[in-house]
Amino acid sequence: MQTSTIGSETFSVIGLGGYELGQDQGWSGAREVLIAAIESGTDWVDTSEAYFDELNELTIGAAMRDVGAQIKVSSKVAPDASGFPADQIRKACHGSLERLGIEKLDMYLLHWPDESDVPLEETWTAMRQLVDDGLVVLAGLSNFDQTQIELCQTVGPVDVIQEGLSPIDHLETLELARWCKQQGIGVVTYEPLGSGMLAGAIHGPEDLQGVVGDDYQEWGFWQRLFAPGKFDRSAIVRDGMLAIAERIGCSLPQLALAWNLQQEGVSATLAGTSNPAHARTNAEAADVVLTRDQIDEIDALIPLGPAFE
């Protein structure tokens, strides 16, 4: 698989989103997905202490030990889990390392902004200290805006950010990614399949109930993509992309991933799945190279989507 250089490290351009691997430490499915991803050229997996209250890290750690293969790991510290005071940042990092059963994290990010009175400069100083101490290779931010990123840069380098991006959602990331490229900051995108809409598995808003539970209407992505007046617009983009995918000979998810990877400033994207076959086909999207005309076709569909209602 193609690789991308972020800071001092190289990563496969498609990483394995670990959230879909769940919270069952003994679930053999996590092992099988990890094997499929590694065999397909994916060399890193992403998780967070906030995923299933630390159980996702435990599951991934158990699967990695069972597989016995080397794979890079990205994780995140969340303000509503550990909090962002300096001592808590260090404690959270050690906790993630212990649960994952590794000695260092290849990426470690603040998961989203803290609404407490802890100064961001204090938190970022603690993050950079983890790098200096060899516990973390790359320090980053997830779901932070440009002003907050610039504030962190006054303290120390921001190596990488994580932001959502797909042709139907998180489109503000396109501008931020271009700016990050100018700053030498790596950009990893998540939700490249539009929270499942561009995976081809969502045929109506009610399909989300089986995916996220009975409270699905309270989720932010449902309100953006699937609520009344939104779903039909999401489906227009999906159907238009499906026609393009069929014409060029790839799947709809592969087309969405390829579009993501060819956006200016994007270093890599995360594709989460609990299906080993999907892990393999997602990895194959790295070989889908879109022409300028094909990208323009997809871009022409974007204004028809839910963000422009």
C-alpha atoms as a PDB file:
ATOM      1  CA  MET A   1       0.000   0.000   0.000  1.00  0.00           C
ATOM      2  CA  GLN A   2       1.049   3.584  -0.537  1.00  0.00           C
ATOM      3  CA  THR A   3       2.442   5.326   2.520  1.00  0.00           C
ATOM      4  CA  SER A   4       2.422   8.903   3.726  1.00  0.00           C
ATOM      5  CA  THR A   5       5.020  10.679   5.839  1.00  0.00           C
ATOM      6  CA  ILE A   6       3.633  12.453   8.886  1.00  0.00           C
ATOM      7  CA  GLY A   7       6.266  14.138  10.981  1.00  0.00           C
ATOM      8  CA  SER A   8       9.079  11.628  11.417  1.00  0.00           C
ATOM      9  CA  GLU A   9       6.926   8.553  10.730  1.00  0.00           C
ATOM     10  CA  THR A  10       5.426   6.826   7.722  1.00  0.00           C
ATOM     11  CA  PHE A  11       1.924   5.377   7.754  1.00  0.00           C
ATOM     12  CA  SER A  12      -0.168   3.481   5.236  1.00  0.00           C
ATOM     13  CA  VAL A  13      -2.551   5.970   3.621  1.00  0.00           C
ATOM     14  CA  ILE A  14      -5.484   3.927   4.924  1.00  0.00           C
ATOM     15  CA  GLY A  15      -5.516   3.206   8.638  1.00  0.00           C
ATOM     16  CA  LEU A  16      -7.842   0.858  10.479  1.00  0.00           C
ATOM     17  CA  GLY A  17     -10.476   2.694  12.496  1.00  0.00           C
ATOM     18  CA  GLY A  18     -10.566   0.750  15.724  1.00  0.00           C
ATOM     19  CA  TYR A  19     -13.942   1.858  17.079  1.00  0.00           C
ATOM     20  CA  GLU A  20     -15.752  -0.755  14.987  1.00  0.00           C
ATOM     21  CA  LEU A  21     -13.745  -3.510  16.699  1.00  0.00           C
ATOM     22  CA  GLY A  22     -15.934  -3.031  19.720  1.00  0.00           C
ATOM     23  CA  GLN A  23     -15.408  -3.670  23.411  1.00  0.00           C
ATOM     24  CA  ASP A  24     -15.221  -7.448  23.874  1.00  0.00           C
ATOM     25  CA  GLN A  25     -11.653  -8.392  24.796  1.00  0.00           C
ATOM     26  CA  GLY A  26     -12.295 -11.990  23.866  1.00  0.00           C
ATOM     27  CA  TRP A  27     -14.039 -11.298  20.574  1.00  0.00           C
ATOM     28  CA  SER A  28     -12.201 -13.212  17.868  1.00  0.00           C
ATOM     29  CA  GLY A  29     -13.629 -10.862  15.247  1.00  0.00           C
ATOM     30  CA  ALA A  30     -11.160  -8.130  16.241  1.00  0.00           C
ATOM     31  CA  ARG A  31      -8.307 -10.539  15.620  1.00  0.00           C
ATOM     32  CA  GLU A  32      -9.605 -11.498  12.176  1.00  0.00           C
ATOM     33  CA  VAL A  33     -10.118  -7.893  11.096  1.00  0.00           C
ATOM     34  CA  LEU A  34      -6.633  -6.985  12.306  1.00  0.00           C
ATOM     35  CA  ILE A  35      -5.101  -9.862  10.337  1.00  0.00           C
ATOM     36  CA  ALA A  36      -7.014  -8.893   7.183  1.00  0.00           C
ATOM     37  CA  ALA A  37      -5.942  -5.273   7.497  1.00  0.00           C
ATOM     38  CA  ILE A  38      -2.285  -6.114   8.045  1.00  0.00           C
ATOM     39  CA  GLU A  39      -2.211  -8.612   5.178  1.00  0.00           C
ATOM     40  CA  SER A  40      -3.709  -5.902   2.944  1.00  0.00           C
ATOM     41  CA  GLY A  41      -0.934  -3.425   3.747  1.00  0.00           C
ATOM     42  CA  THR A  42      -2.575  -1.397   6.514  1.00  0.00           C
ATOM     43  CA  ASP A  43       0.107  -0.737   9.116  1.00  0.00           C
ATOM     44  CA  TRP A  44      -1.715   1.218  11.837  1.00  0.00           C
ATOM     45  CA  VAL A  45      -4.870   1.215  13.920  1.00  0.00           C
ATOM     46  CA  ASP A  46      -6.635   4.098  15.657  1.00  0.00           C
ATOM     47  CA  THR A  47      -8.460   4.018  18.992  1.00  0.00           C
ATOM     48  CA  SER A  48      -9.206   6.197  22.025  1.00  0.00           C
ATOM     49  CA  GLU A  49      -9.648   5.866  25.760  1.00  0.00           C
ATOM     50  CA  ALA A  50     -13.161   7.227  25.187  1.00  0.00           C
ATOM     51  CA  TYR A  51     -14.233   4.351  22.938  1.00  0.00           C
ATOM     52  CA  PHE A  52     -16.415   2.069  25.069  1.00  0.00           C
ATOM     53  CA  ASP A  53     -14.922   3.491  28.282  1.00  0.00           C
ATOM     54  CA  GLU A  54     -11.379   2.188  27.627  1.00  0.00           C
ATOM     55  CA  LEU A  55     -12.596  -1.260  26.558  1.00  0.00           C
ATOM     56  CA  ASN A  56     -11.790  -0.631  22.886  1.00  0.00           C
ATOM     57  CA  GLU A  57      -8.116  -0.162  23.751  1.00  0.00           C
ATOM     58  CA  LEU A  58      -8.188  -3.387  25.761  1.00  0.00           C
ATOM     59  CA  THR A  59      -9.800  -5.257  22.873  1.00  0.00           C
ATOM     60  CA  ILE A  60      -7.279  -3.963  20.342  1.00  0.00           C
ATOM     61  CA  GLY A  61      -4.396  -4.678  22.718  1.00  0.00           C
ATOM     62  CA  ALA A  62      -5.560  -8.278  23.190  1.00  0.00           C
ATOM     63  CA  ALA A  63      -5.997  -8.722  19.428  1.00  0.00           C
ATOM     64  CA  MET A  64      -2.519  -7.337  18.695  1.00  0.00           C
ATOM     65  CA  ARG A  65      -0.920  -9.709  21.188  1.00  0.00           C
ATOM     66  CA  ASP A  66      -2.858 -12.632  19.763  1.00  0.00           C
ATOM     67  CA  VAL A  67      -1.854 -11.795  16.196  1.00  0.00           C
ATOM     68  CA  GLY A  68       1.742 -11.119  17.185  1.00  0.00           C
ATOM     69  CA  ALA A  69       2.313  -8.722  14.285  1.00  0.00           C
ATOM     70  CA  GLN A  70       3.852  -5.280  14.467  1.00  0.00           C
ATOM     71  CA  ILE A  71       1.325  -2.503  13.846  1.00  0.00           C
ATOM     72  CA  LYS A  72       1.481   1.184  14.691  1.00  0.00           C
ATOM     73  CA  VAL A  73      -1.098   2.592  17.083  1.00  0.00           C
ATOM     74  CA  SER A  74      -2.829   5.941  17.413  1.00  0.00           C
ATOM     75  CA  SER A  75      -4.903   6.789  20.462  1.00  0.00           C
ATOM     76  CA  LYS A  76      -6.540   9.822  22.025  1.00  0.00           C
ATOM     77  CA  VAL A  77      -7.128  11.354  25.443  1.00  0.00           C
ATOM     78  CA  ALA A  78     -10.603  12.770  26.050  1.00  0.00           C
ATOM     79  CA  PRO A  79     -11.573  15.668  28.351  1.00  0.00           C
ATOM     80  CA  ASP A  80     -14.602  13.861  29.772  1.00  0.00           C
ATOM     81  CA  ALA A  81     -12.549  10.761  30.559  1.00  0.00           C
ATOM     82  CA  SER A  82      -9.153  11.789  31.886  1.00  0.00           C
ATOM     83  CA  GLY A  83      -9.429  15.561  31.642  1.00  0.00           C
ATOM     84  CA  PHE A  84      -6.717  17.848  30.325  1.00  0.00           C
ATOM     85  CA  PRO A  85      -4.612  18.984  33.333  1.00  0.00           C
ATOM     86  CA  ALA A  86      -0.934  18.191  32.755  1.00  0.00           C
ATOM     87  CA  ASP A  87      -0.739  15.395  35.330  1.00  0.00           C
ATOM     88  CA  GLN A  88      -3.867  13.782  33.942  1.00  0.00           C
ATOM     89  CA  ILE A  89      -2.480  13.825  30.406  1.00  0.00           C
ATOM     90  CA  ARG A  90       0.520  11.803  31.528  1.00  0.00           C
ATOM     91  CA  LYS A  91      -1.632   9.422  33.557  1.00  0.00           C
ATOM     92  CA  ALA A  92      -3.967   8.901  30.609  1.00  0.00           C
ATOM     93  CA  CYS A  93      -1.078   8.136  28.273  1.00  0.00           C
ATOM     94  CA  HIS A  94       0.322   5.518  30.637  1.00  0.00           C
ATOM     95  CA  GLY A  95      -3.151   4.033  30.931  1.00  0.00           C
ATOM     96  CA  SER A  96      -3.509   3.709  27.163  1.00  0.00           C
ATOM     97  CA  LEU A  97      -0.058   2.149  26.858  1.00  0.00           C
ATOM     98  CA  GLU A  98      -0.907  -0.390  29.558  1.00  0.00           C
ATOM     99  CA  ARG A  99      -4.257  -1.334  28.041  1.00  0.00           C
ATOM    100  CA  LEU A 100      -2.740  -1.663  24.577  1.00  0.00           C
ATOM    101  CA  GLY A 101       0.295  -3.565  25.885  1.00  0.00           C
ATOM    102  CA  ILE A 102       2.839  -1.359  24.078  1.00  0.00           C
ATOM    103  CA  GLU A 103       5.715   0.883  25.089  1.00  0.00           C
ATOM    104  CA  LYS A 104       4.978   3.933  22.951  1.00  0.00           C
ATOM    105  CA  LEU A 105       2.173   5.437  20.891  1.00  0.00           C
ATOM    106  CA  ASP A 106       2.916   6.384  17.309  1.00  0.00           C
ATOM    107  CA  MET A 107       0.226   9.089  17.492  1.00  0.00           C
ATOM    108  CA  TYR A 108      -1.410  10.550  20.571  1.00  0.00           C
ATOM    109  CA  LEU A 109      -4.051  13.239  20.223  1.00  0.00           C
ATOM    110  CA  LEU A 110      -6.341  15.423  22.293  1.00  0.00           C
ATOM    111  CA  HIS A 111      -9.716  13.982  21.274  1.00  0.00           C
ATOM    112  CA  TRP A 112     -11.754  17.203  21.355  1.00  0.00           C
ATOM    113  CA  PRO A 113     -11.501  20.617  23.040  1.00  0.00           C
ATOM    114  CA  ASP A 114     -11.846  20.836  26.799  1.00  0.00           C
ATOM    115  CA  GLU A 115     -14.526  23.195  28.101  1.00  0.00           C
ATOM    116  CA  SER A 116     -12.908  23.512  31.539  1.00  0.00           C
ATOM    117  CA  ASP A 117     -10.640  26.379  32.606  1.00  0.00           C
ATOM    118  CA  VAL A 118      -7.435  24.396  31.980  1.00  0.00           C
ATOM    119  CA  PRO A 119      -5.351  26.529  29.593  1.00  0.00           C
ATOM    120  CA  LEU A 120      -4.731  24.814  26.267  1.00  0.00           C
ATOM    121  CA  GLU A 121      -1.087  25.913  26.493  1.00  0.00           C
ATOM    122  CA  GLU A 122      -0.692  23.876  29.711  1.00  0.00           C
ATOM    123  CA  THR A 123      -2.238  20.822  28.110  1.00  0.00           C
ATOM    124  CA  TRP A 124      -0.120  21.098  24.979  1.00  0.00           C
ATOM    125  CA  THR A 125       3.062  21.494  27.053  1.00  0.00           C
ATOM    126  CA  ALA A 126       2.202  18.171  28.688  1.00  0.00           C
ATOM    127  CA  MET A 127       1.606  16.555  25.293  1.00  0.00           C
ATOM    128  CA  ARG A 128       4.969  17.724  23.976  1.00  0.00           C
ATOM    129  CA  GLN A 129       6.635  16.422  27.140  1.00  0.00           C
ATOM    130  CA  LEU A 130       5.318  12.946  26.316  1.00  0.00           C
ATOM    131  CA  VAL A 131       7.139  13.213  22.990  1.00  0.00           C
ATOM    132  CA  ASP A 132      10.332  14.356  24.714  1.00  0.00           C
ATOM    133  CA  ASP A 133      10.085  11.408  27.116  1.00  0.00           C
ATOM    134  CA  GLY A 134       9.727   8.878  24.294  1.00  0.00           C
ATOM    135  CA  LEU A 135       6.215   7.757  25.233  1.00  0.00           C
ATOM    136  CA  VAL A 136       4.689   9.315  22.105  1.00  0.00           C
ATOM    137  CA  VAL A 137       6.157   9.746  18.624  1.00  0.00           C
ATOM    138  CA  LEU A 138       3.677  12.269  17.179  1.00  0.00           C
ATOM    139  CA  ALA A 139       1.427  14.598  19.167  1.00  0.00           C
ATOM    140  CA  GLY A 140      -1.782  15.881  17.646  1.00  0.00           C
ATOM    141  CA  LEU A 141      -5.239  17.385  17.916  1.00  0.00           C
ATOM    142  CA  SER A 142      -8.620  16.009  16.917  1.00  0.00           C
ATOM    143  CA  ASN A 143     -11.645  18.244  16.290  1.00  0.00           C
ATOM    144  CA  PHE A 144      -9.811  21.496  17.017  1.00  0.00           C
ATOM    145  CA  ASP A 145     -10.099  24.621  14.870  1.00  0.00           C
ATOM    146  CA  GLN A 146      -7.314  26.602  13.231  1.00  0.00           C
ATOM    147  CA  THR A 147      -7.137  29.187  16.014  1.00  0.00           C
ATOM    148  CA  GLN A 148      -6.659  26.470  18.631  1.00  0.00           C
ATOM    149  CA  ILE A 149      -4.046  24.726  16.497  1.00  0.00           C
ATOM    150  CA  GLU A 150      -2.146  27.994  16.119  1.00  0.00           C
ATOM    151  CA  LEU A 151      -2.245  28.512  19.892  1.00  0.00           C
ATOM    152  CA  CYS A 152      -0.696  25.075  20.441  1.00  0.00           C
ATOM    153  CA  GLN A 153       1.995  25.889  17.890  1.00  0.00           C
ATOM    154  CA  THR A 154       3.165  28.756  20.095  1.00  0.00           C
ATOM    155  CA  VAL A 155       4.088  26.097  22.670  1.00  0.00           C
ATOM    156  CA  GLY A 156       5.425  23.343  20.433  1.00  0.00           C
ATOM    157  CA  PRO A 157       4.833  21.602  17.110  1.00  0.00           C
ATOM    158  CA  VAL A 158       1.477  20.094  16.189  1.00  0.00           C
ATOM    159  CA  ASP A 159       2.474  17.007  14.228  1.00  0.00           C
ATOM    160  CA  VAL A 160      -0.943  15.807  13.081  1.00  0.00           C
ATOM    161  CA  ILE A 161      -4.652  16.527  13.263  1.00  0.00           C
ATOM    162  CA  GLN A 162      -7.692  14.273  12.887  1.00  0.00           C
ATOM    163  CA  GLU A 163     -10.841  15.672  11.317  1.00  0.00           C
ATOM    164  CA  GLY A 164     -13.940  14.245   9.676  1.00  0.00           C
ATOM    165  CA  LEU A 165     -14.277  14.466   5.903  1.00  0.00           C
ATOM    166  CA  SER A 166     -16.505  13.016   3.202  1.00  0.00           C
ATOM    167  CA  PRO A 167     -18.363  14.390   0.163  1.00  0.00           C
ATOM    168  CA  ILE A 168     -21.470  14.766   2.352  1.00  0.00           C
ATOM    169  CA  ASP A 169     -20.059  15.825   5.728  1.00  0.00           C
ATOM    170  CA  HIS A 170     -17.331  17.814   7.492  1.00  0.00           C
ATOM    171  CA  LEU A 171     -16.594  19.781   4.324  1.00  0.00           C
ATOM    172  CA  GLU A 172     -14.968  22.598   6.306  1.00  0.00           C
ATOM    173  CA  THR A 173     -12.017  20.230   6.699  1.00  0.00           C
ATOM    174  CA  LEU A 174     -11.063  20.846   3.059  1.00  0.00           C
ATOM    175  CA  GLU A 175      -9.897  24.382   3.833  1.00  0.00           C
ATOM    176  CA  LEU A 176      -8.261  23.371   7.112  1.00  0.00           C
ATOM    177  CA  ALA A 177      -6.333  20.566   5.386  1.00  0.00           C
ATOM    178  CA  ARG A 178      -4.932  22.986   2.819  1.00  0.00           C
ATOM    179  CA  TRP A 179      -3.789  25.285   5.611  1.00  0.00           C
ATOM    180  CA  CYS A 180      -2.214  22.373   7.505  1.00  0.00           C
ATOM    181  CA  LYS A 181      -0.245  21.422   4.409  1.00  0.00           C
ATOM    182  CA  GLN A 182       1.293  24.898   4.409  1.00  0.00           C
ATOM    183  CA  GLN A 183       2.178  24.447   8.086  1.00  0.00           C
ATOM    184  CA  GLY A 184       3.716  21.002   7.611  1.00  0.00           C
ATOM    185  CA  ILE A 185       0.995  19.395   9.754  1.00  0.00           C
ATOM    186  CA  GLY A 186      -0.264  15.935   8.795  1.00  0.00           C
ATOM    187  CA  VAL A 187      -4.010  15.476   8.310  1.00  0.00           C
ATOM    188  CA  VAL A 188      -5.795  12.205   9.050  1.00  0.00           C
ATOM    189  CA  THR A 189      -9.484  12.099   8.179  1.00  0.00           C
ATOM    190  CA  TYR A 190     -12.204  10.020   9.796  1.00  0.00           C
ATOM    191  CA  GLU A 191     -15.764   9.143   8.724  1.00  0.00           C
ATOM    192  CA  PRO A 192     -14.737   9.087   5.042  1.00  0.00           C
ATOM    193  CA  LEU A 193     -17.847   7.015   4.300  1.00  0.00           C
ATOM    194  CA  GLY A 194     -20.252   9.593   5.669  1.00  0.00           C
ATOM    195  CA  SER A 195     -21.190   7.654   8.823  1.00  0.00           C
ATOM    196  CA  GLY A 196     -22.158   4.641   6.696  1.00  0.00           C
ATOM    197  CA  MET A 197     -24.130   6.480   4.010  1.00  0.00           C
ATOM    198  CA  LEU A 198     -21.344   6.006   1.452  1.00  0.00           C
ATOM    199  CA  ALA A 199     -20.778   2.404   2.507  1.00  0.00           C
ATOM    200  CA  GLY A 200     -23.980   1.426   0.735  1.00  0.00           C
ATOM    201  CA  ALA A 201     -25.558  -0.124   3.832  1.00  0.00           C
ATOM    202  CA  ILE A 202     -27.893   2.734   4.772  1.00  0.00           C
ATOM    203  CA  HIS A 203     -31.095   2.757   2.719  1.00  0.00           C
ATOM    204  CA  GLY A 204     -33.246   4.767   5.086  1.00  0.00           C
ATOM    205  CA  PRO A 205     -32.868   6.754   8.336  1.00  0.00           C
ATOM    206  CA  GLU A 206     -34.309   3.863  10.326  1.00  0.00           C
ATOM    207  CA  ASP A 207     -31.348   1.655   9.342  1.00  0.00           C
ATOM    208  CA  LEU A 208     -29.258   3.545  11.879  1.00  0.00           C
ATOM    209  CA  GLN A 209     -31.222   2.084  14.763  1.00  0.00           C
ATOM    210  CA  GLY A 210     -29.491  -1.246  14.381  1.00  0.00           C
ATOM    211  CA  VAL A 211     -26.111   0.439  14.125  1.00  0.00           C
ATOM    212  CA  VAL A 212     -26.064   2.964  16.969  1.00  0.00           C
ATOM    213  CA  GLY A 213     -29.117   2.048  19.074  1.00  0.00           C
ATOM    214  CA  ASP A 214     -32.521   3.473  19.868  1.00  0.00           C
ATOM    215  CA  ASP A 215     -31.170   6.964  20.595  1.00  0.00           C
ATOM    216  CA  TYR A 216     -29.833   7.369  17.056  1.00  0.00           C
ATOM    217  CA  GLN A 217     -31.870  10.534  16.426  1.00  0.00           C
ATOM    218  CA  GLU A 218     -29.862  12.312  19.122  1.00  0.00           C
ATOM    219  CA  TRP A 219     -26.531  11.739  17.373  1.00  0.00           C
ATOM    220  CA  GLY A 220     -25.014  14.732  15.620  1.00  0.00           C
ATOM    221  CA  PHE A 221     -24.336  12.878  12.377  1.00  0.00           C
ATOM    222  CA  TRP A 222     -27.983  11.767  12.183  1.00  0.00           C
ATOM    223  CA  GLN A 223     -29.101  15.369  12.444  1.00  0.00           C
ATOM    224  CA  ARG A 224     -26.626  16.424   9.738  1.00  0.00           C
ATOM    225  CA  LEU A 225     -27.099  13.559   7.284  1.00  0.00           C
ATOM    226  CA  PHE A 226     -30.257  11.558   7.981  1.00  0.00           C
ATOM    227  CA  ALA A 227     -32.872  13.819   9.567  1.00  0.00           C
ATOM    228  CA  PRO A 228     -35.982  14.807   7.570  1.00  0.00           C
ATOM    229  CA  GLY A 229     -34.899  16.920   4.636  1.00  0.00           C
ATOM    230  CA  LYS A 230     -31.301  15.711   4.988  1.00  0.00           C
ATOM    231  CA  PHE A 231     -31.500  12.050   4.031  1.00  0.00           C
ATOM    232  CA  ASP A 232     -32.841  12.642   0.540  1.00  0.00           C
ATOM    233  CA  ARG A 233     -29.991  15.037  -0.189  1.00  0.00           C
ATOM    234  CA  SER A 234     -27.423  12.565   1.188  1.00  0.00           C
ATOM    235  CA  ALA A 235     -28.947   9.895  -1.062  1.00  0.00           C
ATOM    236  CA  ILE A 236     -28.584  12.112  -4.154  1.00  0.00           C
ATOM    237  CA  VAL A 237     -24.833  12.341  -3.581  1.00  0.00           C
ATOM    238  CA  ARG A 238     -24.603   8.633  -2.753  1.00  0.00           C
ATOM    239  CA  ASP A 239     -26.455   7.572  -5.889  1.00  0.00           C
ATOM    240  CA  GLY A 240     -24.406   9.891  -8.072  1.00  0.00           C
ATOM    241  CA  MET A 241     -21.183   8.503  -6.631  1.00  0.00           C
ATOM    242  CA  LEU A 242     -22.422   4.943  -7.070  1.00  0.00           C
ATOM    243  CA  ALA A 243     -22.900   5.570 -10.782  1.00  0.00           C
ATOM    244  CA  ILE A 244     -19.346   6.902 -11.036  1.00  0.00           C
ATOM    245  CA  ALA A 245     -17.957   3.934  -9.088  1.00  0.00           C
ATOM    246  CA  GLU A 246     -19.724   1.424 -11.337  1.00  0.00           C
ATOM    247  CA  ARG A 247     -18.407   3.168 -14.421  1.00  0.00           C
ATOM    248  CA  ILE A 248     -14.765   3.152 -13.311  1.00  0.00           C
ATOM    249  CA  GLY A 249     -14.892  -0.343 -11.799  1.00  0.00           C
ATOM    250  CA  CYS A 250     -14.595   0.143  -8.045  1.00  0.00           C
ATOM    251  CA  SER A 251     -17.008  -0.025  -5.122  1.00  0.00           C
ATOM    252  CA  LEU A 252     -18.788   2.993  -3.659  1.00  0.00           C
ATOM    253  CA  PRO A 253     -16.725   2.858  -0.419  1.00  0.00           C
ATOM    254  CA  GLN A 254     -13.509   2.636  -2.431  1.00  0.00           C
ATOM    255  CA  LEU A 255     -14.514   5.685  -4.445  1.00  0.00           C
ATOM    256  CA  ALA A 256     -15.261   7.667  -1.289  1.00  0.00           C
ATOM    257  CA  LEU A 257     -11.918   6.680   0.240  1.00  0.00           C
ATOM    258  CA  ALA A 258     -10.025   7.504  -2.948  1.00  0.00           C
ATOM    259  CA  TRP A 259     -11.700  10.926  -3.173  1.00  0.00           C
ATOM    260  CA  ASN A 260     -10.695  11.575   0.430  1.00  0.00           C
ATOM    261  CA  LEU A 261      -7.058  10.633  -0.138  1.00  0.00           C
ATOM    262  CA  GLN A 262      -6.748  12.876  -3.189  1.00  0.00           C
ATOM    263  CA  GLN A 263      -7.800  16.037  -1.364  1.00  0.00           C
ATOM    264  CA  GLU A 264      -5.029  18.581  -0.925  1.00  0.00           C
ATOM    265  CA  GLY A 265      -3.337  18.262   2.454  1.00  0.00           C
ATOM    266  CA  VAL A 266      -4.865  14.912   3.421  1.00  0.00           C
ATOM    267  CA  SER A 267      -2.164  12.486   4.536  1.00  0.00           C
ATOM    268  CA  ALA A 268      -4.252   9.410   5.356  1.00  0.00           C
ATOM    269  CA  THR A 269      -7.790   8.340   6.162  1.00  0.00           C
ATOM    270  CA  LEU A 270      -9.321   5.949   8.682  1.00  0.00           C
ATOM    271  CA  ALA A 271     -11.670   3.201   7.527  1.00  0.00           C
ATOM    272  CA  GLY A 272     -13.382   1.369  10.362  1.00  0.00           C
ATOM    273  CA  THR A 273     -15.049  -2.010  10.010  1.00  0.00           C
ATOM    274  CA  SER A 274     -15.864  -5.184  11.925  1.00  0.00           C
ATOM    275  CA  ASN A 275     -15.754  -7.245   8.707  1.00  0.00           C
ATOM    276  CA  PRO A 276     -12.435  -8.752   7.535  1.00  0.00           C
ATOM    277  CA  ALA A 277     -13.552  -8.704   3.890  1.00  0.00           C
ATOM    278  CA  HIS A 278     -14.328  -5.016   4.145  1.00  0.00           C
ATOM    279  CA  ALA A 279     -10.924  -4.369   5.696  1.00  0.00           C
ATOM    280  CA  ARG A 280      -9.361  -5.891   2.583  1.00  0.00           C
ATOM    281  CA  THR A 281     -11.509  -3.993   0.077  1.00  0.00           C
ATOM    282  CA  ASN A 282     -11.043  -0.740   1.998  1.00  0.00           C
ATOM    283  CA  ALA A 283      -7.290  -1.199   1.756  1.00  0.00           C
ATOM    284  CA  GLU A 284      -7.579  -1.698  -1.996  1.00  0.00           C
ATOM    285  CA  ALA A 285      -8.974   1.825  -2.289  1.00  0.00           C
ATOM    286  CA  ALA A 286      -5.402   3.080  -1.946  1.00  0.00           C
ATOM    287  CA  ASP A 287      -4.837   1.827  -5.496  1.00  0.00           C
ATOM    288  CA  VAL A 288      -7.824   3.699  -6.937  1.00  0.00           C
ATOM    289  CA  VAL A 289      -6.415   6.801  -8.622  1.00  0.00           C
ATOM    290  CA  LEU A 290      -9.069   9.214  -9.800  1.00  0.00           C
ATOM    291  CA  THR A 291      -8.613  11.460 -12.802  1.00  0.00           C
ATOM    292  CA  ARG A 292      -9.198  15.182 -12.532  1.00  0.00           C
ATOM    293  CA  ASP A 293     -12.449  14.759 -14.453  1.00  0.00           C
ATOM    294  CA  GLN A 294     -13.668  12.074 -12.049  1.00  0.00           C
ATOM    295  CA  ILE A 295     -12.855  14.232  -9.029  1.00  0.00           C
ATOM    296  CA  ASP A 296     -14.683  17.117 -10.676  1.00  0.00           C
ATOM    297  CA  GLU A 297     -17.737  14.859 -11.154  1.00  0.00           C
ATOM    298  CA  ILE A 298     -17.807  14.064  -7.452  1.00  0.00           C
ATOM    299  CA  ASP A 299     -17.202  17.683  -6.498  1.00  0.00           C
ATOM    300  CA  ALA A 300     -20.173  18.689  -8.682  1.00  0.00           C
ATOM    301  CA  LEU A 301     -22.383  16.418  -6.556  1.00  0.00           C
ATOM    302  CA  ILE A 302     -21.312  17.951  -3.244  1.00  0.00           C
ATOM    303  CA  PRO A 303     -23.575  21.069  -3.433  1.00  0.00           C
ATOM    304  CA  LEU A 304     -26.544  18.712  -3.802  1.00  0.00           C
ATOM    305  CA  GLY A 305     -25.788  17.211  -0.405  1.00  0.00           C
ATOM    306  CA  PRO A 306     -27.219  17.833   3.079  1.00  0.00           C
ATOM    307  CA  ALA A 307     -24.749  20.554   4.053  1.00  0.00           C
ATOM    308  CA  PHE A 308     -26.265  22.846   1.422  1.00  0.00           C
ATOM    309  CA  GLU A 309     -29.945  22.485   2.324  1.00  0.00           C
END
